Amino acid sequence: LPIYGSLRNAYQGGDLFTAPGWVANGKTKSARLPGYMGVDANSTPQWLEDCYADSRDTGNMAWAMLSLLAYHEEVFGSQQESSYISAAKRLGDWVATNCSDSTGIGGFTGGYFGWEGYELKRTYKATEHNIDLYAAFQRLNQLTGEKIWQERADSAKRFVISMWDTNECKFWTGTTTNGITINKSAVPLDIQAWALLALRDGCKPYVKSLEYAENNVRNGGGYDFSKIPKFLPDGTTDADDNGVWYEGTSHMAAAYRLLGQYTDEPDISARRATELVAFLRTKQNTDGSLPACDRNIWTGFDLPDGSGKWYYFNRKHIGATAWLVFAETGTNPFWLGEK
């Protein structure tokens, strides 16, 4: 698997490179990855990395592209070339080369999971990832005028639209590992808002996704992570779908704040956004941070390594806090910095 042009899911904060004198697999100035000190089979101290942090998700790379392009437009304007555009193009080329998929409706697969040299391709296709990639590729097309980016944006968009359920007016989470069969194990909240934010003036046929969220994922003053079938595949019942996901609630607030212009009742959308922001402010910590959720909640999905259920935890969360800022300020992060 070629590495150049890609990003891993996580890096440590602070200085990007390893400290002087440190050598990682024979390489100096390696980017530092999250991990912890443990011991090997011989009780020798060893730095241990996290497998997911070491992996590469297409959605995460799309957000990095969006950040680079937003900074470029803010600092340099839309008509100039810069190293930020070049970096975004390298990321986009890596995704297109390694994650494009021709099965079914097309689109892009989830990325690669595992440590370097032992990575396995994630062959499912996520609506969330393709939403992110649509916006990133579309912005690259606007900034460069290169048709290849429009083609890639169109591929991601076609997949997203193919996940629209006309019966319940919602977006499915994506496909199973064959890239074709719709994954119906859970219906996440975030894509109901994100698709509208990314599509902007093309979102009007899909604004009822917010109504679906209100009717199926609403929990008290906010929303849960996803709608999970009452009975799980193993025959047991779910008792975890009763939390409030503050980050997802911020997604909804941002969508209501920005998308009133595409609904028949803009005043109602504005009022709902105000209500959600007011609710979220009551959940902030004294330092201004917002937890991911009000308790440990199951997302409805399993961990990528198959070791168990994927939970969100009641901890201070950068994503939740940032999305609250977006909702408060009426900022659409998919198009941040656009002139």
C-alpha atoms as a PDB file:
ATOM      1  CA  LEU A   1       0.000   0.000   0.000  1.00  0.00           C
ATOM      2  CA  PRO A   2       1.563   3.334  -0.997  1.00  0.00           C
ATOM      3  CA  ILE A   3       1.874   5.699   1.952  1.00  0.00           C
ATOM      4  CA  TYR A   4       2.957   8.977   0.359  1.00  0.00           C
ATOM      5  CA  GLY A   5       0.044  11.377   0.103  1.00  0.00           C
ATOM      6  CA  SER A   6      -1.980   9.818   2.925  1.00  0.00           C
ATOM      7  CA  LEU A   7      -2.590  10.656   6.576  1.00  0.00           C
ATOM      8  CA  ARG A   8      -3.153   8.359   9.494  1.00  0.00           C
ATOM      9  CA  ASN A   9      -6.225   8.723  11.670  1.00  0.00           C
ATOM     10  CA  ALA A  10      -4.371  10.375  14.540  1.00  0.00           C
ATOM     11  CA  TYR A  11      -1.100  11.999  15.517  1.00  0.00           C
ATOM     12  CA  GLN A  12       0.130  13.255  18.856  1.00  0.00           C
ATOM     13  CA  GLY A  13      -0.263  16.908  19.751  1.00  0.00           C
ATOM     14  CA  GLY A  14       2.724  19.234  19.941  1.00  0.00           C
ATOM     15  CA  ASP A  15       5.838  18.859  17.813  1.00  0.00           C
ATOM     16  CA  LEU A  16       5.029  16.762  14.762  1.00  0.00           C
ATOM     17  CA  PHE A  17       8.354  14.905  14.726  1.00  0.00           C
ATOM     18  CA  THR A  18      10.018  12.504  17.151  1.00  0.00           C
ATOM     19  CA  ALA A  19      12.559  14.036  19.526  1.00  0.00           C
ATOM     20  CA  PRO A  20      16.261  14.238  18.549  1.00  0.00           C
ATOM     21  CA  GLY A  21      17.940  10.897  19.116  1.00  0.00           C
ATOM     22  CA  TRP A  22      14.728   8.903  18.711  1.00  0.00           C
ATOM     23  CA  VAL A  23      14.647   6.448  15.804  1.00  0.00           C
ATOM     24  CA  ALA A  24      11.468   4.684  14.668  1.00  0.00           C
ATOM     25  CA  ASN A  25      12.074   1.610  12.497  1.00  0.00           C
ATOM     26  CA  GLY A  26      15.345   3.086  11.339  1.00  0.00           C
ATOM     27  CA  LYS A  27      13.807   6.457  10.519  1.00  0.00           C
ATOM     28  CA  THR A  28      14.496   9.804  12.165  1.00  0.00           C
ATOM     29  CA  LYS A  29      11.976  12.653  12.191  1.00  0.00           C
ATOM     30  CA  SER A  30       9.047  10.256  12.006  1.00  0.00           C
ATOM     31  CA  ALA A  31       5.628  11.727  12.761  1.00  0.00           C
ATOM     32  CA  ARG A  32       4.650  10.871  16.320  1.00  0.00           C
ATOM     33  CA  LEU A  33       1.634   8.597  16.742  1.00  0.00           C
ATOM     34  CA  PRO A  34      -0.568   8.191  19.832  1.00  0.00           C
ATOM     35  CA  GLY A  35       0.351   5.351  22.124  1.00  0.00           C
ATOM     36  CA  TYR A  36       1.482   4.343  25.581  1.00  0.00           C
ATOM     37  CA  MET A  37       4.397   2.678  27.342  1.00  0.00           C
ATOM     38  CA  GLY A  38       3.855  -1.023  27.949  1.00  0.00           C
ATOM     39  CA  VAL A  39       5.958  -4.159  28.067  1.00  0.00           C
ATOM     40  CA  ASP A  40       6.620  -6.949  25.592  1.00  0.00           C
ATOM     41  CA  ALA A  41       6.557 -10.707  26.276  1.00  0.00           C
ATOM     42  CA  ASN A  42       9.937 -10.399  28.018  1.00  0.00           C
ATOM     43  CA  SER A  43       8.728  -7.548  30.262  1.00  0.00           C
ATOM     44  CA  THR A  44      10.908  -5.107  28.327  1.00  0.00           C
ATOM     45  CA  PRO A  45       9.469  -1.563  28.203  1.00  0.00           C
ATOM     46  CA  GLN A  46       8.049  -0.852  24.776  1.00  0.00           C
ATOM     47  CA  TRP A  47       6.130   1.956  23.103  1.00  0.00           C
ATOM     48  CA  LEU A  48       2.795   0.594  21.926  1.00  0.00           C
ATOM     49  CA  GLU A  49       0.681   2.287  19.269  1.00  0.00           C
ATOM     50  CA  ASP A  50      -3.074   2.199  18.782  1.00  0.00           C
ATOM     51  CA  CYS A  51      -4.138   0.261  15.698  1.00  0.00           C
ATOM     52  CA  TYR A  52      -6.992   2.575  14.746  1.00  0.00           C
ATOM     53  CA  ALA A  53      -4.826   5.676  15.143  1.00  0.00           C
ATOM     54  CA  ASP A  54      -2.292   4.069  12.804  1.00  0.00           C
ATOM     55  CA  SER A  55      -4.971   3.335  10.179  1.00  0.00           C
ATOM     56  CA  ARG A  56      -6.254   5.512   7.333  1.00  0.00           C
ATOM     57  CA  ASP A  57      -9.936   6.463   6.997  1.00  0.00           C
ATOM     58  CA  THR A  58     -11.042   8.273   3.854  1.00  0.00           C
ATOM     59  CA  GLY A  59     -13.389  10.529   5.814  1.00  0.00           C
ATOM     60  CA  ASN A  60     -10.589  11.734   8.075  1.00  0.00           C
ATOM     61  CA  MET A  61      -8.429  12.547   5.051  1.00  0.00           C
ATOM     62  CA  ALA A  62     -11.331  14.446   3.504  1.00  0.00           C
ATOM     63  CA  TRP A  63     -11.598  16.630   6.613  1.00  0.00           C
ATOM     64  CA  ALA A  64      -7.854  17.292   6.462  1.00  0.00           C
ATOM     65  CA  MET A  65      -8.328  18.350   2.834  1.00  0.00           C
ATOM     66  CA  LEU A  66     -11.179  20.658   3.826  1.00  0.00           C
ATOM     67  CA  SER A  67      -9.008  22.229   6.534  1.00  0.00           C
ATOM     68  CA  LEU A  68      -6.118  22.828   4.126  1.00  0.00           C
ATOM     69  CA  LEU A  69      -8.417  24.352   1.521  1.00  0.00           C
ATOM     70  CA  ALA A  70     -10.183  26.536   4.086  1.00  0.00           C
ATOM     71  CA  TYR A  71      -6.845  27.925   5.265  1.00  0.00           C
ATOM     72  CA  HIS A  72      -5.740  28.503   1.676  1.00  0.00           C
ATOM     73  CA  GLU A  73      -8.866  30.454   0.787  1.00  0.00           C
ATOM     74  CA  GLU A  74      -8.734  32.489   3.983  1.00  0.00           C
ATOM     75  CA  VAL A  75      -5.074  33.480   3.560  1.00  0.00           C
ATOM     76  CA  PHE A  76      -4.393  33.403  -0.170  1.00  0.00           C
ATOM     77  CA  GLY A  77      -7.794  33.802  -1.818  1.00  0.00           C
ATOM     78  CA  SER A  78      -9.286  31.594  -4.467  1.00  0.00           C
ATOM     79  CA  GLN A  79      -7.105  32.472  -7.447  1.00  0.00           C
ATOM     80  CA  GLN A  80      -3.642  31.615  -6.192  1.00  0.00           C
ATOM     81  CA  GLU A  81      -1.748  28.348  -5.955  1.00  0.00           C
ATOM     82  CA  SER A  82      -0.230  27.374  -2.616  1.00  0.00           C
ATOM     83  CA  SER A  83       1.379  24.460  -0.781  1.00  0.00           C
ATOM     84  CA  TYR A  84      -1.969  23.944   0.963  1.00  0.00           C
ATOM     85  CA  ILE A  85      -3.727  23.202  -2.328  1.00  0.00           C
ATOM     86  CA  SER A  86      -0.840  20.940  -3.334  1.00  0.00           C
ATOM     87  CA  ALA A  87      -1.147  19.000  -0.074  1.00  0.00           C
ATOM     88  CA  ALA A  88      -4.913  18.646  -0.487  1.00  0.00           C
ATOM     89  CA  LYS A  89      -4.427  17.387  -4.039  1.00  0.00           C
ATOM     90  CA  ARG A  90      -1.947  14.751  -2.875  1.00  0.00           C
ATOM     91  CA  LEU A  91      -4.455  13.534  -0.299  1.00  0.00           C
ATOM     92  CA  GLY A  92      -7.242  13.513  -2.873  1.00  0.00           C
ATOM     93  CA  ASP A  93      -5.133  11.599  -5.373  1.00  0.00           C
ATOM     94  CA  TRP A  94      -4.248   9.007  -2.726  1.00  0.00           C
ATOM     95  CA  VAL A  95      -7.910   8.465  -1.864  1.00  0.00           C
ATOM     96  CA  ALA A  96      -8.933   8.255  -5.513  1.00  0.00           C
ATOM     97  CA  THR A  97      -6.119   5.830  -6.364  1.00  0.00           C
ATOM     98  CA  ASN A  98      -6.571   3.520  -3.384  1.00  0.00           C
ATOM     99  CA  CYS A  99     -10.246   3.821  -2.398  1.00  0.00           C
ATOM    100  CA  SER A 100     -12.260   4.364  -5.598  1.00  0.00           C
ATOM    101  CA  ASP A 101     -14.789   1.598  -6.086  1.00  0.00           C
ATOM    102  CA  SER A 102     -16.679   0.600  -9.220  1.00  0.00           C
ATOM    103  CA  THR A 103     -19.087  -1.869  -7.620  1.00  0.00           C
ATOM    104  CA  GLY A 104     -22.725  -0.883  -7.321  1.00  0.00           C
ATOM    105  CA  ILE A 105     -23.214   2.856  -7.637  1.00  0.00           C
ATOM    106  CA  GLY A 106     -19.503   3.572  -7.237  1.00  0.00           C
ATOM    107  CA  GLY A 107     -18.134   5.997  -4.678  1.00  0.00           C
ATOM    108  CA  PHE A 108     -15.238   5.477  -2.295  1.00  0.00           C
ATOM    109  CA  THR A 109     -14.488   2.761   0.235  1.00  0.00           C
ATOM    110  CA  GLY A 110     -13.658   3.289   3.908  1.00  0.00           C
ATOM    111  CA  GLY A 111      -9.857   3.232   3.761  1.00  0.00           C
ATOM    112  CA  TYR A 112      -7.318   0.869   5.321  1.00  0.00           C
ATOM    113  CA  PHE A 113      -7.144  -0.609   8.814  1.00  0.00           C
ATOM    114  CA  GLY A 114      -4.041  -1.884  10.578  1.00  0.00           C
ATOM    115  CA  TRP A 115      -0.415  -1.130  11.292  1.00  0.00           C
ATOM    116  CA  GLU A 116       1.925  -0.181   8.476  1.00  0.00           C
ATOM    117  CA  GLY A 117       2.791  -3.235   6.419  1.00  0.00           C
ATOM    118  CA  TYR A 118      -0.219  -5.178   7.710  1.00  0.00           C
ATOM    119  CA  GLU A 119      -3.076  -3.004   6.525  1.00  0.00           C
ATOM    120  CA  LEU A 120      -6.338  -4.465   5.293  1.00  0.00           C
ATOM    121  CA  LYS A 121      -8.611  -2.618   2.893  1.00  0.00           C
ATOM    122  CA  ARG A 122     -11.970  -1.597   4.364  1.00  0.00           C
ATOM    123  CA  THR A 123     -14.326  -2.511   1.525  1.00  0.00           C
ATOM    124  CA  TYR A 124     -17.509  -1.051   2.982  1.00  0.00           C
ATOM    125  CA  LYS A 125     -18.616   2.351   1.701  1.00  0.00           C
ATOM    126  CA  ALA A 126     -19.749   4.913   4.264  1.00  0.00           C
ATOM    127  CA  THR A 127     -22.236   7.657   3.486  1.00  0.00           C
ATOM    128  CA  GLU A 128     -20.360   9.864   5.946  1.00  0.00           C
ATOM    129  CA  HIS A 129     -17.005   9.433   4.170  1.00  0.00           C
ATOM    130  CA  ASN A 130     -18.525  10.123   0.784  1.00  0.00           C
ATOM    131  CA  ILE A 131     -20.260  13.264   2.077  1.00  0.00           C
ATOM    132  CA  ASP A 132     -16.883  14.540   3.266  1.00  0.00           C
ATOM    133  CA  LEU A 133     -15.153  13.609   0.021  1.00  0.00           C
ATOM    134  CA  TYR A 134     -17.852  15.224  -2.104  1.00  0.00           C
ATOM    135  CA  ALA A 135     -17.266  18.575  -0.432  1.00  0.00           C
ATOM    136  CA  ALA A 136     -13.462  18.242  -0.542  1.00  0.00           C
ATOM    137  CA  PHE A 137     -13.363  17.232  -4.210  1.00  0.00           C
ATOM    138  CA  GLN A 138     -15.915  19.876  -5.163  1.00  0.00           C
ATOM    139  CA  ARG A 139     -13.833  22.573  -3.514  1.00  0.00           C
ATOM    140  CA  LEU A 140     -10.687  21.357  -5.259  1.00  0.00           C
ATOM    141  CA  ASN A 141     -12.550  21.583  -8.560  1.00  0.00           C
ATOM    142  CA  GLN A 142     -13.586  25.156  -7.817  1.00  0.00           C
ATOM    143  CA  LEU A 143     -10.065  26.195  -6.826  1.00  0.00           C
ATOM    144  CA  THR A 144      -8.114  24.413  -9.565  1.00  0.00           C
ATOM    145  CA  GLY A 145     -10.559  24.136 -12.467  1.00  0.00           C
ATOM    146  CA  GLU A 146      -9.273  20.594 -13.043  1.00  0.00           C
ATOM    147  CA  LYS A 147     -12.098  18.370 -14.288  1.00  0.00           C
ATOM    148  CA  ILE A 148     -10.830  15.294 -12.490  1.00  0.00           C
ATOM    149  CA  TRP A 149     -11.942  16.758  -9.170  1.00  0.00           C
ATOM    150  CA  GLN A 150     -15.468  17.346 -10.466  1.00  0.00           C
ATOM    151  CA  GLU A 151     -15.604  13.744 -11.659  1.00  0.00           C
ATOM    152  CA  ARG A 152     -14.516  12.520  -8.246  1.00  0.00           C
ATOM    153  CA  ALA A 153     -16.986  14.815  -6.492  1.00  0.00           C
ATOM    154  CA  ASP A 154     -19.781  13.509  -8.716  1.00  0.00           C
ATOM    155  CA  SER A 155     -18.860   9.905  -7.871  1.00  0.00           C
ATOM    156  CA  ALA A 156     -19.031  10.599  -4.131  1.00  0.00           C
ATOM    157  CA  LYS A 157     -22.294  12.514  -4.509  1.00  0.00           C
ATOM    158  CA  ARG A 158     -23.943   9.744  -6.536  1.00  0.00           C
ATOM    159  CA  PHE A 159     -23.164   7.302  -3.769  1.00  0.00           C
ATOM    160  CA  VAL A 160     -24.555   9.612  -1.083  1.00  0.00           C
ATOM    161  CA  ILE A 161     -27.795  10.136  -3.005  1.00  0.00           C
ATOM    162  CA  SER A 162     -28.089   6.382  -3.581  1.00  0.00           C
ATOM    163  CA  MET A 163     -28.260   5.948   0.201  1.00  0.00           C
ATOM    164  CA  TRP A 164     -31.436   8.050   0.418  1.00  0.00           C
ATOM    165  CA  ASP A 165     -34.414   6.048   1.658  1.00  0.00           C
ATOM    166  CA  THR A 166     -37.517   7.460   0.032  1.00  0.00           C
ATOM    167  CA  ASN A 167     -39.823   5.540   2.386  1.00  0.00           C
ATOM    168  CA  GLU A 168     -38.635   7.038   5.679  1.00  0.00           C
ATOM    169  CA  CYS A 169     -36.822  10.078   4.247  1.00  0.00           C
ATOM    170  CA  LYS A 170     -33.425   9.305   5.748  1.00  0.00           C
ATOM    171  CA  PHE A 171     -29.903   8.444   4.663  1.00  0.00           C
ATOM    172  CA  TRP A 172     -28.664   4.917   5.292  1.00  0.00           C
ATOM    173  CA  THR A 173     -25.207   4.611   6.865  1.00  0.00           C
ATOM    174  CA  GLY A 174     -23.668   3.012   3.757  1.00  0.00           C
ATOM    175  CA  THR A 175     -22.971  -0.510   2.507  1.00  0.00           C
ATOM    176  CA  THR A 176     -21.694  -3.748   3.920  1.00  0.00           C
ATOM    177  CA  THR A 177     -18.272  -5.063   2.917  1.00  0.00           C
ATOM    178  CA  ASN A 178     -19.421  -6.055  -0.577  1.00  0.00           C
ATOM    179  CA  GLY A 179     -19.874  -2.383  -1.481  1.00  0.00           C
ATOM    180  CA  ILE A 180     -23.440  -2.935  -2.697  1.00  0.00           C
ATOM    181  CA  THR A 181     -25.745  -4.236   0.043  1.00  0.00           C
ATOM    182  CA  ILE A 182     -27.136  -1.466   2.252  1.00  0.00           C
ATOM    183  CA  ASN A 183     -26.082  -1.727   5.881  1.00  0.00           C
ATOM    184  CA  LYS A 184     -29.282  -1.460   7.918  1.00  0.00           C
ATOM    185  CA  SER A 185     -27.855  -2.344  11.327  1.00  0.00           C
ATOM    186  CA  ALA A 186     -28.147   1.256  12.560  1.00  0.00           C
ATOM    187  CA  VAL A 187     -29.076   4.663  11.192  1.00  0.00           C
ATOM    188  CA  PRO A 188     -26.631   7.320  12.483  1.00  0.00           C
ATOM    189  CA  LEU A 189     -27.703  10.854  13.251  1.00  0.00           C
ATOM    190  CA  ASP A 190     -24.718  12.740  11.858  1.00  0.00           C
ATOM    191  CA  ILE A 191     -25.236  12.002   8.170  1.00  0.00           C
ATOM    192  CA  GLN A 192     -28.813  13.304   8.319  1.00  0.00           C
ATOM    193  CA  ALA A 193     -27.354  16.755   9.040  1.00  0.00           C
ATOM    194  CA  TRP A 194     -24.005  16.477   7.249  1.00  0.00           C
ATOM    195  CA  ALA A 195     -25.489  15.600   3.861  1.00  0.00           C
ATOM    196  CA  LEU A 196     -27.561  18.791   3.917  1.00  0.00           C
ATOM    197  CA  LEU A 197     -24.612  20.945   4.992  1.00  0.00           C
ATOM    198  CA  ALA A 198     -22.387  19.527   2.247  1.00  0.00           C
ATOM    199  CA  LEU A 199     -25.022  19.700  -0.515  1.00  0.00           C
ATOM    200  CA  ARG A 200     -26.205  23.226   0.411  1.00  0.00           C
ATOM    201  CA  ASP A 201     -28.506  24.463  -2.373  1.00  0.00           C
ATOM    202  CA  GLY A 202     -28.826  20.878  -3.630  1.00  0.00           C
ATOM    203  CA  CYS A 203     -30.190  19.657  -0.305  1.00  0.00           C
ATOM    204  CA  LYS A 204     -33.843  20.608  -0.690  1.00  0.00           C
ATOM    205  CA  PRO A 205     -35.049  17.115  -1.743  1.00  0.00           C
ATOM    206  CA  TYR A 206     -33.486  15.725   1.442  1.00  0.00           C
ATOM    207  CA  VAL A 207     -34.358  18.226   4.188  1.00  0.00           C
ATOM    208  CA  LYS A 208     -36.868  15.771   5.651  1.00  0.00           C
ATOM    209  CA  SER A 209     -33.870  13.913   7.064  1.00  0.00           C
ATOM    210  CA  LEU A 210     -34.078  16.407   9.937  1.00  0.00           C
ATOM    211  CA  GLU A 211     -37.674  15.374  10.512  1.00  0.00           C
ATOM    212  CA  TYR A 212     -36.564  11.736  10.574  1.00  0.00           C
ATOM    213  CA  ALA A 213     -33.999  12.635  13.239  1.00  0.00           C
ATOM    214  CA  GLU A 214     -36.631  14.419  15.311  1.00  0.00           C
ATOM    215  CA  ASN A 215     -38.969  11.447  15.177  1.00  0.00           C
ATOM    216  CA  ASN A 216     -36.456   8.629  15.602  1.00  0.00           C
ATOM    217  CA  VAL A 217     -33.244   9.820  17.279  1.00  0.00           C
ATOM    218  CA  ARG A 218     -34.473  12.667  19.499  1.00  0.00           C
ATOM    219  CA  ASN A 219     -33.859  12.111  23.200  1.00  0.00           C
ATOM    220  CA  GLY A 220     -34.967  14.836  25.596  1.00  0.00           C
ATOM    221  CA  GLY A 221     -33.272  18.113  24.735  1.00  0.00           C
ATOM    222  CA  GLY A 222     -30.864  16.490  22.281  1.00  0.00           C
ATOM    223  CA  TYR A 223     -30.326  13.373  20.186  1.00  0.00           C
ATOM    224  CA  ASP A 224     -28.839   9.917  20.517  1.00  0.00           C
ATOM    225  CA  PHE A 225     -26.006   8.712  18.251  1.00  0.00           C
ATOM    226  CA  SER A 226     -28.207   6.537  16.048  1.00  0.00           C
ATOM    227  CA  LYS A 227     -31.463   4.708  15.668  1.00  0.00           C
ATOM    228  CA  ILE A 228     -30.781   1.087  16.567  1.00  0.00           C
ATOM    229  CA  PRO A 229     -33.232  -1.747  15.896  1.00  0.00           C
ATOM    230  CA  LYS A 230     -35.026  -2.760  19.071  1.00  0.00           C
ATOM    231  CA  PHE A 231     -33.924  -6.344  18.614  1.00  0.00           C
ATOM    232  CA  LEU A 232     -30.299  -6.972  17.726  1.00  0.00           C
ATOM    233  CA  PRO A 233     -29.150  -9.707  15.309  1.00  0.00           C
ATOM    234  CA  ASP A 234     -28.294 -12.019  18.224  1.00  0.00           C
ATOM    235  CA  GLY A 235     -31.870 -11.768  19.514  1.00  0.00           C
ATOM    236  CA  THR A 236     -31.087  -9.552  22.494  1.00  0.00           C
ATOM    237  CA  THR A 237     -32.679  -6.178  23.106  1.00  0.00           C
ATOM    238  CA  ASP A 238     -30.725  -2.942  23.170  1.00  0.00           C
ATOM    239  CA  ALA A 239     -30.622  -0.909  26.367  1.00  0.00           C
ATOM    240  CA  ASP A 240     -27.921   1.539  25.299  1.00  0.00           C
ATOM    241  CA  ASP A 241     -29.822   3.826  22.953  1.00  0.00           C
ATOM    242  CA  ASN A 242     -30.957   6.239  25.636  1.00  0.00           C
ATOM    243  CA  GLY A 243     -28.114   8.742  25.863  1.00  0.00           C
ATOM    244  CA  VAL A 244     -27.636  12.211  24.426  1.00  0.00           C
ATOM    245  CA  TRP A 245     -24.789  12.664  21.928  1.00  0.00           C
ATOM    246  CA  TYR A 246     -23.781  16.298  22.309  1.00  0.00           C
ATOM    247  CA  GLU A 247     -21.610  16.373  19.208  1.00  0.00           C
ATOM    248  CA  GLY A 248     -24.480  15.042  17.093  1.00  0.00           C
ATOM    249  CA  THR A 249     -26.847  17.497  18.729  1.00  0.00           C
ATOM    250  CA  SER A 250     -24.450  20.248  17.636  1.00  0.00           C
ATOM    251  CA  HIS A 251     -24.556  18.835  14.088  1.00  0.00           C
ATOM    252  CA  MET A 252     -28.312  19.226  14.127  1.00  0.00           C
ATOM    253  CA  ALA A 253     -28.120  22.753  15.524  1.00  0.00           C
ATOM    254  CA  ALA A 254     -25.691  23.737  12.766  1.00  0.00           C
ATOM    255  CA  ALA A 255     -27.937  22.226  10.117  1.00  0.00           C
ATOM    256  CA  TYR A 256     -31.011  24.025  11.403  1.00  0.00           C
ATOM    257  CA  ARG A 257     -29.060  27.293  11.667  1.00  0.00           C
ATOM    258  CA  LEU A 258     -27.804  27.180   8.099  1.00  0.00           C
ATOM    259  CA  LEU A 259     -30.552  25.426   6.201  1.00  0.00           C
ATOM    260  CA  GLY A 260     -33.643  27.403   7.090  1.00  0.00           C
ATOM    261  CA  GLN A 261     -33.363  29.025   3.666  1.00  0.00           C
ATOM    262  CA  TYR A 262     -34.069  25.668   2.031  1.00  0.00           C
ATOM    263  CA  THR A 263     -37.194  24.844   4.014  1.00  0.00           C
ATOM    264  CA  ASP A 264     -40.737  26.091   3.755  1.00  0.00           C
ATOM    265  CA  GLU A 265     -40.646  27.264   7.388  1.00  0.00           C
ATOM    266  CA  PRO A 266     -37.346  29.131   7.956  1.00  0.00           C
ATOM    267  CA  ASP A 267     -38.534  30.686  11.230  1.00  0.00           C
ATOM    268  CA  ILE A 268     -39.127  27.254  12.710  1.00  0.00           C
ATOM    269  CA  SER A 269     -35.626  26.145  11.670  1.00  0.00           C
ATOM    270  CA  ALA A 270     -34.050  29.207  13.266  1.00  0.00           C
ATOM    271  CA  ARG A 271     -36.026  28.688  16.467  1.00  0.00           C
ATOM    272  CA  ARG A 272     -35.013  25.017  16.646  1.00  0.00           C
ATOM    273  CA  ALA A 273     -31.349  25.956  16.206  1.00  0.00           C
ATOM    274  CA  THR A 274     -31.628  28.492  19.028  1.00  0.00           C
ATOM    275  CA  GLU A 275     -33.253  25.904  21.296  1.00  0.00           C
ATOM    276  CA  LEU A 276     -30.529  23.347  20.641  1.00  0.00           C
ATOM    277  CA  VAL A 277     -27.688  25.808  21.187  1.00  0.00           C
ATOM    278  CA  ALA A 278     -29.275  26.940  24.466  1.00  0.00           C
ATOM    279  CA  PHE A 279     -29.573  23.307  25.577  1.00  0.00           C
ATOM    280  CA  LEU A 280     -25.948  22.568  24.674  1.00  0.00           C
ATOM    281  CA  ARG A 281     -24.667  25.609  26.557  1.00  0.00           C
ATOM    282  CA  THR A 282     -26.140  24.169  29.742  1.00  0.00           C
ATOM    283  CA  LYS A 283     -23.994  21.065  29.213  1.00  0.00           C
ATOM    284  CA  GLN A 284     -20.661  22.854  28.804  1.00  0.00           C
ATOM    285  CA  ASN A 285     -17.949  22.439  31.425  1.00  0.00           C
ATOM    286  CA  THR A 286     -16.659  25.487  33.266  1.00  0.00           C
ATOM    287  CA  ASP A 287     -13.668  25.644  30.899  1.00  0.00           C
ATOM    288  CA  GLY A 288     -16.040  25.920  27.917  1.00  0.00           C
ATOM    289  CA  SER A 289     -15.530  22.386  26.648  1.00  0.00           C
ATOM    290  CA  LEU A 290     -18.424  20.134  25.737  1.00  0.00           C
ATOM    291  CA  PRO A 291     -18.421  16.390  26.483  1.00  0.00           C
ATOM    292  CA  ALA A 292     -19.005  13.948  23.659  1.00  0.00           C
ATOM    293  CA  CYS A 293     -22.196  12.713  25.328  1.00  0.00           C
ATOM    294  CA  ASP A 294     -24.043  12.716  28.636  1.00  0.00           C
ATOM    295  CA  ARG A 295     -23.075   9.114  29.450  1.00  0.00           C
ATOM    296  CA  ASN A 296     -21.273   6.221  27.791  1.00  0.00           C
ATOM    297  CA  ILE A 297     -23.469   5.344  24.818  1.00  0.00           C
ATOM    298  CA  TRP A 298     -23.299   2.602  22.237  1.00  0.00           C
ATOM    299  CA  THR A 299     -23.158   3.942  18.683  1.00  0.00           C
ATOM    300  CA  GLY A 300     -24.922   0.942  17.186  1.00  0.00           C
ATOM    301  CA  PHE A 301     -21.707  -0.196  15.490  1.00  0.00           C
ATOM    302  CA  ASP A 302     -18.829  -2.501  16.391  1.00  0.00           C
ATOM    303  CA  LEU A 303     -15.186  -1.508  16.753  1.00  0.00           C
ATOM    304  CA  PRO A 304     -13.232  -1.791  13.481  1.00  0.00           C
ATOM    305  CA  ASP A 305     -11.112  -4.676  14.785  1.00  0.00           C
ATOM    306  CA  GLY A 306     -14.226  -6.640  15.751  1.00  0.00           C
ATOM    307  CA  SER A 307     -13.274  -6.719  19.423  1.00  0.00           C
ATOM    308  CA  GLY A 308     -16.599  -5.411  20.708  1.00  0.00           C
ATOM    309  CA  LYS A 309     -19.136  -2.611  20.580  1.00  0.00           C
ATOM    310  CA  TRP A 310     -18.035   0.911  19.659  1.00  0.00           C
ATOM    311  CA  TYR A 311     -18.928   3.330  22.443  1.00  0.00           C
ATOM    312  CA  TYR A 312     -18.745   7.093  22.839  1.00  0.00           C
ATOM    313  CA  PHE A 313     -17.722   8.176  26.329  1.00  0.00           C
ATOM    314  CA  ASN A 314     -18.697  11.010  28.636  1.00  0.00           C
ATOM    315  CA  ARG A 315     -15.406  12.886  28.209  1.00  0.00           C
ATOM    316  CA  LYS A 316     -14.394  16.360  27.060  1.00  0.00           C
ATOM    317  CA  HIS A 317     -14.457  16.283  23.283  1.00  0.00           C
ATOM    318  CA  ILE A 318     -12.839  18.584  20.709  1.00  0.00           C
ATOM    319  CA  GLY A 319     -15.320  17.611  17.997  1.00  0.00           C
ATOM    320  CA  ALA A 320     -18.372  18.305  20.131  1.00  0.00           C
ATOM    321  CA  THR A 321     -16.975  21.648  21.263  1.00  0.00           C
ATOM    322  CA  ALA A 322     -16.004  22.710  17.734  1.00  0.00           C
ATOM    323  CA  TRP A 323     -19.410  21.819  16.335  1.00  0.00           C
ATOM    324  CA  LEU A 324     -21.084  23.879  19.042  1.00  0.00           C
ATOM    325  CA  VAL A 325     -18.993  26.840  17.876  1.00  0.00           C
ATOM    326  CA  PHE A 326     -20.120  26.193  14.299  1.00  0.00           C
ATOM    327  CA  ALA A 327     -23.756  26.118  15.432  1.00  0.00           C
ATOM    328  CA  GLU A 328     -23.378  29.303  17.499  1.00  0.00           C
ATOM    329  CA  THR A 329     -21.701  31.247  14.704  1.00  0.00           C
ATOM    330  CA  GLY A 330     -23.671  29.885  11.761  1.00  0.00           C
ATOM    331  CA  THR A 331     -20.555  28.368  10.202  1.00  0.00           C
ATOM    332  CA  ASN A 332     -20.702  25.550   7.663  1.00  0.00           C
ATOM    333  CA  PRO A 333     -17.397  23.656   8.116  1.00  0.00           C
ATOM    334  CA  PHE A 334     -17.724  21.939   4.743  1.00  0.00           C
ATOM    335  CA  TRP A 335     -17.373  25.326   3.086  1.00  0.00           C
ATOM    336  CA  LEU A 336     -15.285  27.177   5.665  1.00  0.00           C
ATOM    337  CA  GLY A 337     -13.159  29.952   4.185  1.00  0.00           C
ATOM    338  CA  GLU A 338     -15.016  30.045   0.862  1.00  0.00           C
ATOM    339  CA  LYS A 339     -15.054  33.538  -0.576  1.00  0.00           C
END
